[in-house]
Amino acid sequence: MIPRPISGAARIIPALDSGDAARAQSLAETLAPHCGVLKVGLELFTSAGPGIVSAMARHRPVFLDLKLHDIPNTVAGAVRSLLPLRPAMMTLHAAGGAAMIAAARAEAEKAGTERPMLLAVTVLTSIDAETLAATGVAASPADQVLRLARLAVAAGADGLVCSPQEAGVLRAALGPAPFLVVPGVRPAGAALGDQARTATPAEAVAAGADWIVVGRPITGAADPAQAAAAIAAGL
């Protein structure tokens, strides 16, 4: 698996969430010197097709963020189909349950030492307490994140995806072993967009994030490379 990053730039994962494959590939080439991993999300994957993973991997390891969530057999089959693309990281929803995560891990193990890191998504960074309650979950976001994180790690997830506001909670409860990939990161003064639970890059890393996922503050900047370099310099 991909090793835990130790430098500022290596911690950054630009989110190339776009339906424009040509623009995404241009951004990948531009940002590769200023990041450690490139994120291919659902929009880019579905618009450009599986080949985009190999195209991005020519620049940096790929975080394939499809957030798999289905019955165990179906998720295992999806992992099996995605393994030939050789992503460095893959996501699945912790809410899918322990059996689903265990099935994904068993399938991923078939790739041996080249297997991807399996990351369990806890509570999306766009969800606040009110939105969570509307789905029938009475717990606070922090409590729900911790509940799902414990379940996912016990079932075989290598790491977790959480907002920066829960990174410290997970580190305190679960220790240094689980990898933490943290979206919802915004430089001071940046627009929050649809993110509800955020922090600055330095705050996220101080709380325990291994990698930080940054989208529009980098990809929407007039100079994406300069924006990424400025974030790295502050880590």
Protein backbone atom coordinates (compact mmCIF):
# COMPACT_ATOMS: atom_id res chain seq x y z
CA MET A 1 0.00 0.00 0.00
CA ILE A 2 0.95 3.62 -0.40
CA PRO A 3 3.03 4.79 2.60
CA ARG A 4 1.92 7.41 5.11
CA PRO A 5 3.09 10.86 3.90
CA ILE A 6 5.66 12.86 5.84
CA SER A 7 6.00 16.09 3.86
CA GLY A 8 3.61 18.96 3.25
CA ALA A 9 3.09 18.47 -0.47
CA ALA A 10 2.75 14.70 -0.12
CA ARG A 11 -0.24 15.21 2.16
CA ILE A 12 -2.28 17.05 -0.46
CA ILE A 13 -4.88 15.28 -2.60
CA PRO A 14 -6.41 17.61 -5.21
CA ALA A 15 -9.98 16.61 -5.99
CA LEU A 16 -10.25 16.45 -9.79
CA ASP A 17 -14.05 16.28 -9.65
CA SER A 18 -15.00 17.33 -13.15
CA GLY A 19 -16.90 16.02 -16.12
CA ASP A 20 -14.20 17.39 -18.40
CA ALA A 21 -11.53 14.71 -18.78
CA ALA A 22 -9.17 16.93 -20.77
CA ARG A 23 -9.24 19.62 -18.08
CA ALA A 24 -8.76 17.01 -15.35
CA GLN A 25 -5.73 15.57 -17.11
CA SER A 26 -4.28 19.05 -17.61
CA LEU A 27 -4.76 19.79 -13.92
CA ALA A 28 -3.14 16.48 -12.99
CA GLU A 29 -0.02 17.34 -14.94
CA THR A 30 0.08 20.84 -13.46
CA LEU A 31 -0.50 19.75 -9.88
CA ALA A 32 1.62 16.59 -9.76
CA PRO A 33 4.74 18.41 -8.44
CA HIS A 34 2.66 19.91 -5.62
CA CYS A 35 0.73 16.89 -4.31
CA GLY A 36 1.08 13.28 -3.27
CA VAL A 37 -2.08 11.69 -4.67
CA LEU A 38 -4.74 12.62 -7.25
CA LYS A 39 -8.43 12.07 -6.54
CA VAL A 40 -10.72 10.68 -9.22
CA GLY A 41 -14.28 11.14 -8.03
CA LEU A 42 -17.62 9.85 -9.19
CA GLU A 43 -18.27 12.60 -11.74
CA LEU A 44 -14.94 12.21 -13.50
CA PHE A 45 -15.02 8.41 -13.41
CA THR A 46 -18.51 8.17 -14.87
CA SER A 47 -17.90 10.78 -17.57
CA ALA A 48 -14.43 9.69 -18.67
CA GLY A 49 -14.58 5.97 -17.96
CA PRO A 50 -12.18 3.61 -16.18
CA GLY A 51 -9.26 4.61 -18.42
CA ILE A 52 -9.00 7.92 -16.58
CA VAL A 53 -7.52 6.09 -13.60
CA SER A 54 -4.55 4.86 -15.64
CA ALA A 55 -4.16 8.28 -17.23
CA MET A 56 -3.98 9.96 -13.82
CA ALA A 57 -1.66 7.29 -12.43
CA ARG A 58 1.00 8.41 -14.91
CA HIS A 59 1.34 11.52 -12.75
CA ARG A 60 0.64 10.38 -9.19
CA PRO A 61 -1.04 7.51 -7.31
CA VAL A 62 -4.81 7.63 -7.62
CA PHE A 63 -7.43 7.93 -4.89
CA LEU A 64 -10.51 6.39 -6.52
CA ASP A 65 -13.38 7.90 -4.59
CA LEU A 66 -16.52 6.05 -5.69
CA LYS A 67 -17.93 5.46 -2.19
CA LEU A 68 -19.15 1.91 -2.85
CA HIS A 69 -22.31 1.05 -0.92
CA ASP A 70 -24.41 -2.03 -1.65
CA ILE A 71 -24.92 -5.58 -0.45
CA PRO A 72 -21.65 -7.39 0.39
CA ASN A 73 -21.61 -9.57 -2.73
CA THR A 74 -22.13 -6.59 -5.04
CA VAL A 75 -19.43 -4.48 -3.38
CA ALA A 76 -17.00 -7.40 -3.49
CA GLY A 77 -17.72 -7.73 -7.20
CA ALA A 78 -17.17 -4.02 -7.74
CA VAL A 79 -13.82 -4.19 -5.95
CA ARG A 80 -12.88 -7.17 -8.12
CA SER A 81 -13.71 -5.20 -11.26
CA LEU A 82 -11.74 -2.16 -10.10
CA LEU A 83 -8.56 -3.94 -9.00
CA PRO A 84 -7.07 -4.12 -12.54
CA LEU A 85 -7.07 -0.30 -12.57
CA ARG A 86 -4.62 -0.44 -9.65
CA PRO A 87 -5.83 2.55 -7.64
CA ALA A 88 -3.76 3.35 -4.58
CA MET A 89 -6.88 4.09 -2.50
CA MET A 90 -10.57 3.21 -2.78
CA THR A 91 -13.59 4.32 -0.75
CA LEU A 92 -16.68 2.53 0.47
CA HIS A 93 -19.38 3.71 2.86
CA ALA A 94 -18.98 2.56 6.45
CA ALA A 95 -22.78 2.66 6.67
CA GLY A 96 -22.84 -0.40 4.41
CA GLY A 97 -21.99 -2.45 7.50
CA ALA A 98 -19.29 -4.79 8.73
CA ALA A 99 -20.10 -7.64 6.34
CA MET A 100 -19.84 -5.37 3.34
CA ILE A 101 -16.48 -3.97 4.45
CA ALA A 102 -15.15 -7.44 5.23
CA ALA A 103 -16.22 -8.68 1.78
CA ALA A 104 -14.44 -5.75 0.13
CA ARG A 105 -11.29 -6.42 2.15
CA ALA A 106 -11.31 -10.12 1.26
CA GLU A 107 -11.57 -9.27 -2.42
CA ALA A 108 -8.88 -6.58 -2.21
CA GLU A 109 -6.50 -9.05 -0.55
CA LYS A 110 -6.42 -11.02 -3.80
CA ALA A 111 -4.23 -8.27 -5.25
CA GLY A 112 -1.53 -9.12 -2.71
CA THR A 113 1.04 -6.47 -1.95
CA GLU A 114 -0.39 -4.29 -4.73
CA ARG A 115 -3.81 -4.08 -3.14
CA PRO A 116 -5.41 -0.67 -2.70
CA MET A 117 -5.91 0.98 0.65
CA LEU A 118 -9.56 0.62 1.64
CA LEU A 119 -11.00 3.76 3.19
CA ALA A 120 -14.38 3.79 4.91
CA VAL A 121 -16.39 6.98 4.53
CA THR A 122 -18.02 7.89 7.84
CA VAL A 123 -20.31 10.95 7.57
CA LEU A 124 -20.10 13.15 4.48
CA THR A 125 -18.61 16.59 5.09
CA SER A 126 -21.72 18.21 3.60
CA ILE A 127 -23.87 16.84 6.44
CA ASP A 128 -24.48 18.84 9.60
CA ALA A 129 -26.37 17.81 12.75
CA GLU A 130 -29.72 18.90 11.36
CA THR A 131 -29.26 16.99 8.11
CA LEU A 132 -28.12 13.91 10.00
CA ALA A 133 -31.17 14.05 12.25
CA ALA A 134 -33.43 14.29 9.20
CA THR A 135 -32.11 10.90 8.08
CA GLY A 136 -33.16 9.36 11.40
CA VAL A 137 -29.78 9.50 13.16
CA ALA A 138 -30.16 11.21 16.53
CA ALA A 139 -26.42 11.15 17.32
CA SER A 140 -24.21 14.15 16.71
CA PRO A 141 -21.96 13.99 13.63
CA ALA A 142 -18.93 13.36 15.87
CA ASP A 143 -20.62 10.47 17.70
CA GLN A 144 -21.86 8.92 14.45
CA VAL A 145 -18.42 9.25 12.86
CA LEU A 146 -16.80 7.48 15.79
CA ARG A 147 -19.43 4.71 15.80
CA LEU A 148 -18.97 4.04 12.09
CA ALA A 149 -15.20 4.33 12.34
CA ARG A 150 -14.96 1.67 15.04
CA LEU A 151 -17.18 -0.65 13.00
CA ALA A 152 -15.19 -0.11 9.81
CA VAL A 153 -11.74 -0.62 11.31
CA ALA A 154 -12.87 -3.77 13.12
CA ALA A 155 -14.24 -5.11 9.81
CA GLY A 156 -10.97 -4.57 7.92
CA ALA A 157 -10.86 -1.00 6.63
CA ASP A 158 -7.32 0.36 6.43
CA GLY A 159 -8.41 3.89 7.09
CA LEU A 160 -11.23 6.36 7.30
CA VAL A 161 -12.61 9.41 5.58
CA CYS A 162 -13.91 12.03 7.99
CA SER A 163 -14.24 15.77 8.25
CA PRO A 164 -11.40 17.69 9.90
CA GLN A 165 -13.65 18.31 12.87
CA GLU A 166 -13.61 14.59 13.75
CA ALA A 167 -9.97 13.79 12.95
CA GLY A 168 -8.83 14.50 16.49
CA VAL A 169 -11.67 12.44 17.96
CA LEU A 170 -10.70 9.44 15.83
CA ARG A 171 -7.00 9.74 16.63
CA ALA A 172 -7.74 9.89 20.35
CA ALA A 173 -10.08 6.90 20.21
CA LEU A 174 -8.36 4.68 17.62
CA GLY A 175 -4.72 5.62 17.93
CA PRO A 176 -2.16 6.14 15.16
CA ALA A 177 -2.86 3.04 13.05
CA PRO A 178 -5.86 3.93 10.86
CA PHE A 179 -5.05 6.17 7.93
CA LEU A 180 -7.13 9.34 7.95
CA VAL A 181 -8.06 11.04 4.69
CA VAL A 182 -9.77 14.33 5.39
CA PRO A 183 -11.90 16.33 2.94
CA GLY A 184 -13.79 19.49 3.84
CA VAL A 185 -10.50 21.38 4.02
CA ARG A 186 -10.59 25.08 3.21
CA PRO A 187 -7.78 27.66 3.46
CA ALA A 188 -8.63 30.60 5.69
CA GLY A 189 -11.02 32.92 3.89
CA ALA A 190 -11.99 30.43 1.17
CA ALA A 191 -15.66 29.91 0.32
CA LEU A 192 -17.17 26.89 2.08
CA GLY A 193 -19.38 25.91 -0.88
CA ASP A 194 -21.43 22.85 0.09
CA GLN A 195 -19.14 21.86 2.95
CA ALA A 196 -20.64 21.95 6.45
CA ARG A 197 -17.83 20.66 8.72
CA THR A 198 -14.55 22.26 7.75
CA ALA A 199 -11.12 23.41 8.98
CA THR A 200 -7.98 24.89 7.50
CA PRO A 201 -5.26 22.62 6.08
CA ALA A 202 -2.94 23.21 9.05
CA GLU A 203 -5.77 22.55 11.52
CA ALA A 204 -6.67 19.30 9.79
CA VAL A 205 -3.09 18.00 9.87
CA ALA A 206 -2.64 19.09 13.49
CA ALA A 207 -5.79 17.12 14.37
CA GLY A 208 -4.33 13.93 12.88
CA ALA A 209 -5.05 13.92 9.14
CA ASP A 210 -2.58 11.95 7.04
CA TRP A 211 -3.87 13.34 3.76
CA ILE A 212 -6.09 16.35 3.12
CA VAL A 213 -8.45 16.52 0.15
CA VAL A 214 -8.74 19.99 -1.36
CA GLY A 215 -10.98 20.67 -4.33
CA ARG A 216 -12.19 24.05 -5.51
CA PRO A 217 -9.66 26.19 -3.56
CA ILE A 218 -7.02 24.54 -5.79
CA THR A 219 -8.79 23.51 -8.98
CA GLY A 220 -10.81 26.72 -9.18
CA ALA A 221 -7.87 29.02 -8.49
CA ALA A 222 -6.46 31.30 -11.16
CA ASP A 223 -3.13 29.50 -10.66
CA PRO A 224 -3.84 25.98 -9.32
CA ALA A 225 -0.15 25.11 -8.93
CA GLN A 226 0.50 28.23 -6.87
CA ALA A 227 -2.57 27.54 -4.74
CA ALA A 228 -1.42 23.99 -4.01
CA ALA A 229 2.13 25.14 -3.28
CA ALA A 230 0.84 27.75 -0.83
CA ILE A 231 -1.16 25.13 1.04
CA ALA A 232 1.84 22.78 1.17
CA ALA A 233 4.05 25.54 2.53
CA GLY A 234 1.72 25.96 5.48
CA LEU A 235 1.75 22.30 6.53
